Amino acid sequence: MSDEGLAIRMLHDRVLVDAESGSSERKSGGGILIPATVQMGRRLSWAKVVSIGPSVRSVEVDDRVLFDPEERAEVELNSKRYVLMRERDIHAVAAKRLDDAGTGLYL
């Protein structure tokens, strides 16, 4: 369960995440502002894990995960939108606890 006190329990391999909404505008590596209206190719998104099901093995609550926003289902709880997905739909995990894993995170 998360620290937000959501009255929900995930089942099986489901993961509930809070997608980072932020600004729809982005900056390039050189500092150039890219407007939200620019069409880009397939782009993955980061989100914070809020709750996990009992069969989830690779992700923990408060981890940041990388996922494809086109493969998601949205749900509203306590007037806030969350994304519901299966563990297999997560492409990468970023967490401080992984620093000692030895393999590193190559993104």
C-alpha atoms as a PDB file:
ATOM      1  CA  MET A   1       0.000   0.000   0.000  1.00  0.00           C
ATOM      2  CA  SER A   2       1.214   3.507  -0.647  1.00  0.00           C
ATOM      3  CA  ASP A   3       1.734   6.388   1.753  1.00  0.00           C
ATOM      4  CA  GLU A   4      -1.168   8.229   0.104  1.00  0.00           C
ATOM      5  CA  GLY A   5      -3.651   5.912   1.860  1.00  0.00           C
ATOM      6  CA  LEU A   6      -5.502   4.729  -1.233  1.00  0.00           C
ATOM      7  CA  ALA A   7      -8.278   2.308  -0.380  1.00  0.00           C
ATOM      8  CA  ILE A   8      -7.321  -0.161  -3.100  1.00  0.00           C
ATOM      9  CA  ARG A   9      -5.445  -3.448  -3.279  1.00  0.00           C
ATOM     10  CA  MET A  10      -3.871  -4.509  -6.562  1.00  0.00           C
ATOM     11  CA  LEU A  11      -4.297  -8.117  -7.682  1.00  0.00           C
ATOM     12  CA  HIS A  12      -1.957 -10.520  -9.486  1.00  0.00           C
ATOM     13  CA  ASP A  13       0.745  -8.763 -11.548  1.00  0.00           C
ATOM     14  CA  ARG A  14      -0.906  -5.337 -11.678  1.00  0.00           C
ATOM     15  CA  VAL A  15       0.979  -2.107 -10.969  1.00  0.00           C
ATOM     16  CA  LEU A  16      -0.692   1.238 -10.194  1.00  0.00           C
ATOM     17  CA  VAL A  17       1.423   4.284 -11.031  1.00  0.00           C
ATOM     18  CA  ASP A  18       1.139   8.040 -10.782  1.00  0.00           C
ATOM     19  CA  ALA A  19       2.239   9.349 -14.176  1.00  0.00           C
ATOM     20  CA  GLU A  20       4.456  12.400 -13.959  1.00  0.00           C
ATOM     21  CA  SER A  21       2.284  15.082 -15.452  1.00  0.00           C
ATOM     22  CA  GLY A  22       4.767  17.971 -15.529  1.00  0.00           C
ATOM     23  CA  SER A  23       4.750  20.425 -18.381  1.00  0.00           C
ATOM     24  CA  SER A  24       3.827  19.179 -21.825  1.00  0.00           C
ATOM     25  CA  GLU A  25       6.632  21.325 -23.246  1.00  0.00           C
ATOM     26  CA  ARG A  26      10.143  19.874 -23.251  1.00  0.00           C
ATOM     27  CA  LYS A  27      13.677  21.192 -23.623  1.00  0.00           C
ATOM     28  CA  SER A  28      16.319  19.734 -25.892  1.00  0.00           C
ATOM     29  CA  GLY A  29      19.797  18.901 -24.636  1.00  0.00           C
ATOM     30  CA  GLY A  30      20.945  22.307 -25.888  1.00  0.00           C
ATOM     31  CA  GLY A  31      18.212  24.154 -23.987  1.00  0.00           C
ATOM     32  CA  ILE A  32      15.850  24.782 -26.916  1.00  0.00           C
ATOM     33  CA  LEU A  33      12.167  24.757 -25.890  1.00  0.00           C
ATOM     34  CA  ILE A  34      10.122  22.158 -27.829  1.00  0.00           C
ATOM     35  CA  PRO A  35       6.410  23.090 -27.931  1.00  0.00           C
ATOM     36  CA  ALA A  36       3.762  20.544 -26.961  1.00  0.00           C
ATOM     37  CA  THR A  37       2.296  20.707 -30.481  1.00  0.00           C
ATOM     38  CA  VAL A  38       5.387  19.126 -32.082  1.00  0.00           C
ATOM     39  CA  GLN A  39       4.711  15.579 -33.274  1.00  0.00           C
ATOM     40  CA  MET A  40       7.376  13.160 -32.071  1.00  0.00           C
ATOM     41  CA  GLY A  41       7.810   9.452 -32.604  1.00  0.00           C
ATOM     42  CA  ARG A  42       6.935   6.858 -30.007  1.00  0.00           C
ATOM     43  CA  ARG A  43       8.016   8.282 -26.662  1.00  0.00           C
ATOM     44  CA  LEU A  44       8.116   6.437 -23.328  1.00  0.00           C
ATOM     45  CA  SER A  45       7.052   8.055 -20.030  1.00  0.00           C
ATOM     46  CA  TRP A  46       8.196   7.898 -16.399  1.00  0.00           C
ATOM     47  CA  ALA A  47       5.851   7.271 -13.477  1.00  0.00           C
ATOM     48  CA  LYS A  48       6.044   6.623  -9.725  1.00  0.00           C
ATOM     49  CA  VAL A  49       4.740   3.275  -8.439  1.00  0.00           C
ATOM     50  CA  VAL A  50       1.877   3.758  -5.968  1.00  0.00           C
ATOM     51  CA  SER A  51       0.688   0.184  -5.374  1.00  0.00           C
ATOM     52  CA  ILE A  52       1.597  -3.335  -6.563  1.00  0.00           C
ATOM     53  CA  GLY A  53      -0.077  -6.726  -6.651  1.00  0.00           C
ATOM     54  CA  PRO A  54       1.213  -9.785  -4.776  1.00  0.00           C
ATOM     55  CA  SER A  55       2.718 -11.401  -7.909  1.00  0.00           C
ATOM     56  CA  VAL A  56       4.897  -8.407  -8.829  1.00  0.00           C
ATOM     57  CA  ARG A  57       8.584  -9.289  -8.392  1.00  0.00           C
ATOM     58  CA  SER A  58      10.730  -6.580 -10.009  1.00  0.00           C
ATOM     59  CA  VAL A  59       9.084  -3.385  -8.808  1.00  0.00           C
ATOM     60  CA  GLU A  60       8.455  -1.870  -5.371  1.00  0.00           C
ATOM     61  CA  VAL A  61       6.313   1.035  -4.188  1.00  0.00           C
ATOM     62  CA  ASP A  62       8.017   4.433  -4.764  1.00  0.00           C
ATOM     63  CA  ASP A  63      10.181   3.125  -7.658  1.00  0.00           C
ATOM     64  CA  ARG A  64      10.187   5.107 -10.896  1.00  0.00           C
ATOM     65  CA  VAL A  65       9.248   3.052 -13.933  1.00  0.00           C
ATOM     66  CA  LEU A  66       9.468   3.607 -17.672  1.00  0.00           C
ATOM     67  CA  PHE A  67       6.415   2.598 -19.722  1.00  0.00           C
ATOM     68  CA  ASP A  68       4.715   3.164 -23.065  1.00  0.00           C
ATOM     69  CA  PRO A  69       1.851   5.663 -22.560  1.00  0.00           C
ATOM     70  CA  GLU A  70      -0.053   4.128 -25.488  1.00  0.00           C
ATOM     71  CA  GLU A  71      -0.349   0.803 -23.616  1.00  0.00           C
ATOM     72  CA  ARG A  72      -2.122   1.985 -20.495  1.00  0.00           C
ATOM     73  CA  ALA A  73      -5.462   2.117 -18.725  1.00  0.00           C
ATOM     74  CA  GLU A  74      -6.349   5.152 -16.629  1.00  0.00           C
ATOM     75  CA  VAL A  75      -8.335   5.016 -13.415  1.00  0.00           C
ATOM     76  CA  GLU A  76      -9.525   7.814 -11.120  1.00  0.00           C
ATOM     77  CA  LEU A  77      -9.206   7.377  -7.348  1.00  0.00           C
ATOM     78  CA  ASN A  78      -9.896  10.138  -4.816  1.00  0.00           C
ATOM     79  CA  SER A  79     -10.244  12.653  -7.677  1.00  0.00           C
ATOM     80  CA  LYS A  80      -6.749  11.849  -8.996  1.00  0.00           C
ATOM     81  CA  ARG A  81      -5.826   9.980 -12.174  1.00  0.00           C
ATOM     82  CA  TYR A  82      -3.549   6.940 -12.062  1.00  0.00           C
ATOM     83  CA  VAL A  83      -2.312   4.497 -14.674  1.00  0.00           C
ATOM     84  CA  LEU A  84      -2.941   0.772 -14.285  1.00  0.00           C
ATOM     85  CA  MET A  85      -0.683  -1.719 -16.084  1.00  0.00           C
ATOM     86  CA  ARG A  86       0.771  -5.207 -15.923  1.00  0.00           C
ATOM     87  CA  GLU A  87       4.323  -5.699 -14.669  1.00  0.00           C
ATOM     88  CA  ARG A  88       5.361  -6.993 -18.103  1.00  0.00           C
ATOM     89  CA  ASP A  89       4.432  -3.618 -19.664  1.00  0.00           C
ATOM     90  CA  ILE A  90       7.185  -1.870 -17.670  1.00  0.00           C
ATOM     91  CA  HIS A  91      10.372  -1.330 -19.695  1.00  0.00           C
ATOM     92  CA  ALA A  92      12.777  -0.197 -16.940  1.00  0.00           C
ATOM     93  CA  VAL A  93      12.980   0.518 -13.209  1.00  0.00           C
ATOM     94  CA  ALA A  94      14.932   3.363 -11.571  1.00  0.00           C
ATOM     95  CA  ALA A  95      15.446   3.146  -7.803  1.00  0.00           C
ATOM     96  CA  LYS A  96      18.239   3.848  -5.315  1.00  0.00           C
ATOM     97  CA  ARG A  97      18.082   0.236  -4.121  1.00  0.00           C
ATOM     98  CA  LEU A  98      19.304  -0.863  -7.572  1.00  0.00           C
ATOM     99  CA  ASP A  99      22.666   0.929  -7.172  1.00  0.00           C
ATOM    100  CA  ASP A 100      24.162  -2.201  -5.587  1.00  0.00           C
ATOM    101  CA  ALA A 101      22.768  -4.582  -8.202  1.00  0.00           C
ATOM    102  CA  GLY A 102      25.962  -4.477 -10.268  1.00  0.00           C
ATOM    103  CA  THR A 103      24.325  -4.440 -13.696  1.00  0.00           C
ATOM    104  CA  GLY A 104      23.471  -0.743 -13.741  1.00  0.00           C
ATOM    105  CA  LEU A 105      20.686   1.007 -15.596  1.00  0.00           C
ATOM    106  CA  TYR A 106      21.490   1.675 -19.233  1.00  0.00           C
ATOM    107  CA  LEU A 107      18.990   4.060 -20.780  1.00  0.00           C
END
